[in-house]
Amino acid sequence: MGNSYMYPVLRTPDLAEAYALAQRLLRLAEQVDEVEVWATTTGPALHRYMSLTEAGLSARTPVSRSAEMIAALGALLPDPERQLSRGRDTLWIHRLDVRAAEPLRHLDGVRIDLFVVRAVPGAVEERFLAAVGSDVGSVYWDVAWPEVDELDLDLCVKYAGVEITVNSAEPFEERYSGDHTVWIHTRADGRAQWLAKRAGAKVLGLWVLGR
């Protein structure tokens, strides 16, 4: 139980710059275990993600539109999972090839969460970043940070990661900002400053609670 501490180390409108810093941080890791990506998008934009055939989708629609939504999704899966909460329907489609999501492209007012979890590092990141456009999302790498003798820090496996929040200044935020933020996930023990310095960056401000 618990959460990582997330330290911002770069905010930039240049996604390539953010990705390059993330890669430098990953090279400092003892190991990089897996990666996950997420974006919130709309039906008409799904075509951009056609190469992410590993992706799962969930679609959120007002309850007033749920009958239309279920009918559309019936063309994709006979029994999509459904969750009703706070006046909205969420319908989950797991591991659906986004090329098969044509019915979603014609529904108004539908928000779609597209995600890939537990992927092999290097397998999905660049395809995702090439597709994301102006959508809000994130790329998160689960890592192990090395020992830091000078700070008397042991190997850090839990609460260790690197994340880019895409088109967002804050984690878990769906509001578009236009900037991309690189974060170090770790403990509150000085490791973030040590890592940032070695990657050619610096901690920009206070930590926020992470994963």
Protein backbone atom coordinates (compact mmCIF):
# COMPACT_ATOMS: atom_id res chain seq x y z
CA MET A 1 0.00 0.00 0.00
CA GLY A 2 1.05 3.63 -0.35
CA ASN A 3 2.12 5.94 -3.12
CA SER A 4 5.27 7.11 -4.80
CA TYR A 5 6.42 10.69 -4.58
CA MET A 6 6.42 12.31 -8.02
CA TYR A 7 9.00 15.02 -8.68
CA PRO A 8 8.66 17.19 -11.82
CA VAL A 9 11.97 17.58 -13.66
CA LEU A 10 10.92 19.12 -16.99
CA ARG A 11 7.96 20.98 -18.47
CA THR A 12 8.16 21.63 -22.18
CA PRO A 13 5.94 22.02 -25.25
CA ASP A 14 8.40 19.74 -27.10
CA LEU A 15 7.37 16.11 -26.72
CA ALA A 16 10.62 14.89 -28.26
CA GLU A 17 12.57 16.79 -25.60
CA ALA A 18 10.45 15.21 -22.85
CA TYR A 19 10.97 11.74 -24.30
CA ALA A 20 14.72 12.26 -24.60
CA LEU A 21 14.98 13.19 -20.91
CA ALA A 22 12.86 10.19 -19.94
CA GLN A 23 15.25 7.96 -21.87
CA ARG A 24 18.26 9.45 -20.07
CA LEU A 25 16.58 8.75 -16.74
CA LEU A 26 15.79 5.19 -17.77
CA ARG A 27 19.46 4.62 -18.55
CA LEU A 28 20.20 5.42 -14.91
CA ALA A 29 17.83 2.70 -13.70
CA GLU A 30 19.09 -0.63 -12.44
CA GLN A 31 16.36 -2.23 -14.56
CA VAL A 32 13.25 -1.21 -16.49
CA ASP A 33 10.50 -3.73 -15.89
CA GLU A 34 7.47 -2.67 -17.92
CA VAL A 35 5.70 0.27 -19.50
CA GLU A 36 2.12 1.41 -19.71
CA VAL A 37 0.49 4.13 -21.78
CA TRP A 38 -2.85 5.87 -21.49
CA ALA A 39 -4.72 8.56 -23.40
CA THR A 40 -8.20 10.02 -23.31
CA THR A 41 -9.53 10.60 -26.80
CA THR A 42 -12.66 10.62 -28.93
CA GLY A 43 -14.12 8.27 -31.49
CA PRO A 44 -13.12 10.35 -34.54
CA ALA A 45 -9.49 10.35 -33.34
CA LEU A 46 -9.17 6.58 -32.93
CA HIS A 47 -7.70 6.18 -36.41
CA ARG A 48 -4.48 7.79 -35.15
CA TYR A 49 -3.92 4.83 -32.83
CA MET A 50 -4.34 2.10 -35.44
CA SER A 51 -0.83 0.76 -34.85
CA LEU A 52 -1.55 0.13 -31.14
CA THR A 53 -3.24 -3.20 -31.62
CA GLU A 54 -2.26 -4.11 -28.03
CA ALA A 55 -4.58 -1.43 -26.67
CA GLY A 56 -7.71 -1.84 -24.61
CA LEU A 57 -10.48 0.74 -24.64
CA SER A 58 -13.10 2.03 -22.27
CA ALA A 59 -15.83 4.37 -23.43
CA ARG A 60 -17.66 6.85 -21.21
CA THR A 61 -21.01 8.25 -22.21
CA PRO A 62 -23.87 10.06 -20.45
CA VAL A 63 -26.52 7.67 -19.20
CA SER A 64 -29.00 9.33 -21.56
CA ARG A 65 -26.92 7.97 -24.44
CA SER A 66 -26.29 4.52 -22.97
CA ALA A 67 -28.82 2.66 -25.14
CA GLU A 68 -27.21 4.02 -28.31
CA MET A 69 -23.77 3.24 -26.94
CA ILE A 70 -24.61 -0.34 -26.05
CA ALA A 71 -26.09 -0.87 -29.50
CA ALA A 72 -22.93 0.45 -31.13
CA LEU A 73 -20.68 -1.65 -28.96
CA GLY A 74 -22.79 -4.70 -29.67
CA ALA A 75 -21.17 -4.70 -33.11
CA LEU A 76 -17.79 -5.03 -31.42
CA LEU A 77 -18.39 -7.41 -28.54
CA PRO A 78 -21.52 -9.32 -27.55
CA ASP A 79 -21.17 -8.47 -23.85
CA PRO A 80 -19.06 -5.42 -22.99
CA GLU A 81 -18.56 -4.91 -19.27
CA ARG A 82 -20.68 -2.07 -17.95
CA GLN A 83 -20.31 0.13 -14.91
CA LEU A 84 -22.83 2.80 -13.88
CA SER A 85 -21.60 5.52 -11.54
CA ARG A 86 -22.16 9.21 -10.89
CA GLY A 87 -24.64 9.59 -13.68
CA ARG A 88 -22.47 8.10 -16.41
CA ASP A 89 -22.05 4.77 -18.11
CA THR A 90 -18.61 3.27 -18.58
CA LEU A 91 -18.32 0.39 -21.01
CA TRP A 92 -15.08 -1.57 -21.07
CA ILE A 93 -13.57 -3.32 -24.07
CA HIS A 94 -10.39 -5.21 -23.34
CA ARG A 95 -7.66 -5.88 -25.90
CA LEU A 96 -9.72 -4.67 -28.82
CA ASP A 97 -7.89 -3.90 -32.02
CA VAL A 98 -8.60 -0.19 -32.44
CA ARG A 99 -9.11 -0.79 -36.16
CA ALA A 100 -12.31 -2.64 -35.23
CA ALA A 101 -13.75 0.32 -33.31
CA GLU A 102 -15.47 1.94 -36.29
CA PRO A 103 -18.88 2.26 -34.54
CA LEU A 104 -17.33 4.48 -31.88
CA ARG A 105 -16.19 7.03 -34.46
CA HIS A 106 -19.76 8.15 -35.11
CA LEU A 107 -20.97 8.67 -31.53
CA ASP A 108 -21.07 12.22 -30.17
CA GLY A 109 -20.22 13.03 -26.57
CA VAL A 110 -18.24 9.83 -25.98
CA ARG A 111 -14.89 9.93 -24.19
CA ILE A 112 -12.60 6.99 -24.82
CA ASP A 113 -9.74 5.88 -22.60
CA LEU A 114 -7.15 3.96 -24.57
CA PHE A 115 -4.55 2.03 -22.60
CA VAL A 116 -1.76 -0.52 -22.85
CA VAL A 117 -0.51 -2.04 -19.61
CA ARG A 118 2.43 -4.28 -18.69
CA ALA A 119 4.08 -3.90 -22.06
CA VAL A 120 7.73 -4.71 -22.74
CA PRO A 121 9.78 -1.49 -22.54
CA GLY A 122 10.39 -0.15 -26.03
CA ALA A 123 7.42 -1.98 -27.53
CA VAL A 124 4.75 0.72 -27.57
CA GLU A 125 6.10 4.09 -26.42
CA GLU A 126 7.18 5.59 -29.72
CA ARG A 127 4.09 4.42 -31.58
CA PHE A 128 1.93 5.91 -28.83
CA LEU A 129 3.74 9.25 -28.79
CA ALA A 130 3.54 9.48 -32.58
CA ALA A 131 -0.24 8.98 -32.38
CA VAL A 132 -1.25 11.00 -29.32
CA GLY A 133 -1.46 14.41 -31.01
CA SER A 134 -3.38 16.84 -28.79
CA ASP A 135 -4.89 14.14 -26.59
CA VAL A 136 -4.06 14.10 -22.88
CA GLY A 137 -2.27 10.97 -21.69
CA SER A 138 0.81 9.51 -20.10
CA VAL A 139 3.68 7.09 -20.53
CA TYR A 140 4.89 5.36 -17.37
CA TRP A 141 7.92 3.11 -16.98
CA ASP A 142 8.20 0.89 -13.90
CA VAL A 143 11.87 0.70 -12.87
CA ALA A 144 14.29 -0.15 -10.09
CA TRP A 145 16.52 2.72 -9.00
CA PRO A 146 20.12 1.84 -8.12
CA GLU A 147 21.87 2.17 -4.79
CA VAL A 148 23.26 5.64 -4.08
CA ASP A 149 26.19 5.22 -1.71
CA GLU A 150 26.76 8.93 -1.20
CA LEU A 151 23.19 9.31 0.07
CA ASP A 152 23.20 5.95 1.89
CA LEU A 153 20.26 4.78 -0.24
CA ASP A 154 19.55 1.12 -1.01
CA LEU A 155 18.15 -0.30 -4.23
CA CYS A 156 14.65 1.15 -4.73
CA VAL A 157 12.14 -1.17 -6.41
CA LYS A 158 8.82 -0.13 -4.92
CA TYR A 159 7.54 3.36 -5.83
CA ALA A 160 10.16 3.69 -8.59
CA GLY A 161 9.38 4.95 -12.07
CA VAL A 162 9.61 7.56 -14.80
CA GLU A 163 6.53 9.19 -16.29
CA ILE A 164 5.66 11.69 -19.00
CA THR A 165 2.29 13.35 -18.58
CA VAL A 166 1.43 14.28 -22.16
CA ASN A 167 -0.32 17.59 -22.83
CA SER A 168 -0.81 17.88 -19.08
CA ALA A 169 1.05 19.64 -16.29
CA GLU A 170 -0.36 17.34 -13.61
CA PRO A 171 -0.75 13.58 -13.22
CA PHE A 172 -4.20 12.00 -13.55
CA GLU A 173 -5.45 15.15 -15.30
CA GLU A 174 -7.68 15.13 -18.39
CA ARG A 175 -7.51 18.88 -18.96
CA TYR A 176 -5.32 19.90 -21.90
CA SER A 177 -2.37 22.17 -21.06
CA GLY A 178 -0.16 22.01 -24.16
CA ASP A 179 2.94 21.20 -22.14
CA HIS A 180 4.47 17.81 -21.37
CA THR A 181 5.89 17.08 -17.91
CA VAL A 182 8.55 14.52 -17.00
CA TRP A 183 8.34 13.06 -13.51
CA ILE A 184 10.57 10.88 -11.35
CA HIS A 185 8.69 8.47 -9.10
CA THR A 186 10.62 7.58 -5.96
CA ARG A 187 10.65 8.01 -2.20
CA ALA A 188 11.12 11.29 -0.35
CA ASP A 189 14.80 10.65 0.26
CA GLY A 190 16.87 12.87 -2.05
CA ARG A 191 17.11 10.31 -4.84
CA ALA A 192 15.04 12.40 -7.28
CA GLN A 193 17.51 15.28 -7.09
CA TRP A 194 20.42 12.88 -7.55
CA LEU A 195 18.82 11.26 -10.60
CA ALA A 196 17.75 14.54 -12.17
CA LYS A 197 21.24 16.01 -11.91
CA ARG A 198 22.79 12.99 -13.62
CA ALA A 199 20.24 13.18 -16.42
CA GLY A 200 21.00 16.85 -17.05
CA ALA A 201 17.87 18.20 -15.37
CA LYS A 202 16.72 19.43 -11.98
CA VAL A 203 13.71 19.06 -9.73
CA LEU A 204 11.36 21.92 -10.57
CA GLY A 205 9.13 22.03 -7.52
CA LEU A 206 7.36 20.16 -4.79
CA TRP A 207 6.45 16.52 -5.12
CA VAL A 208 2.89 15.25 -5.57
CA LEU A 209 1.54 11.87 -4.58
CA GLY A 210 1.83 9.34 -7.40
CA ARG A 211 1.06 5.69 -7.91
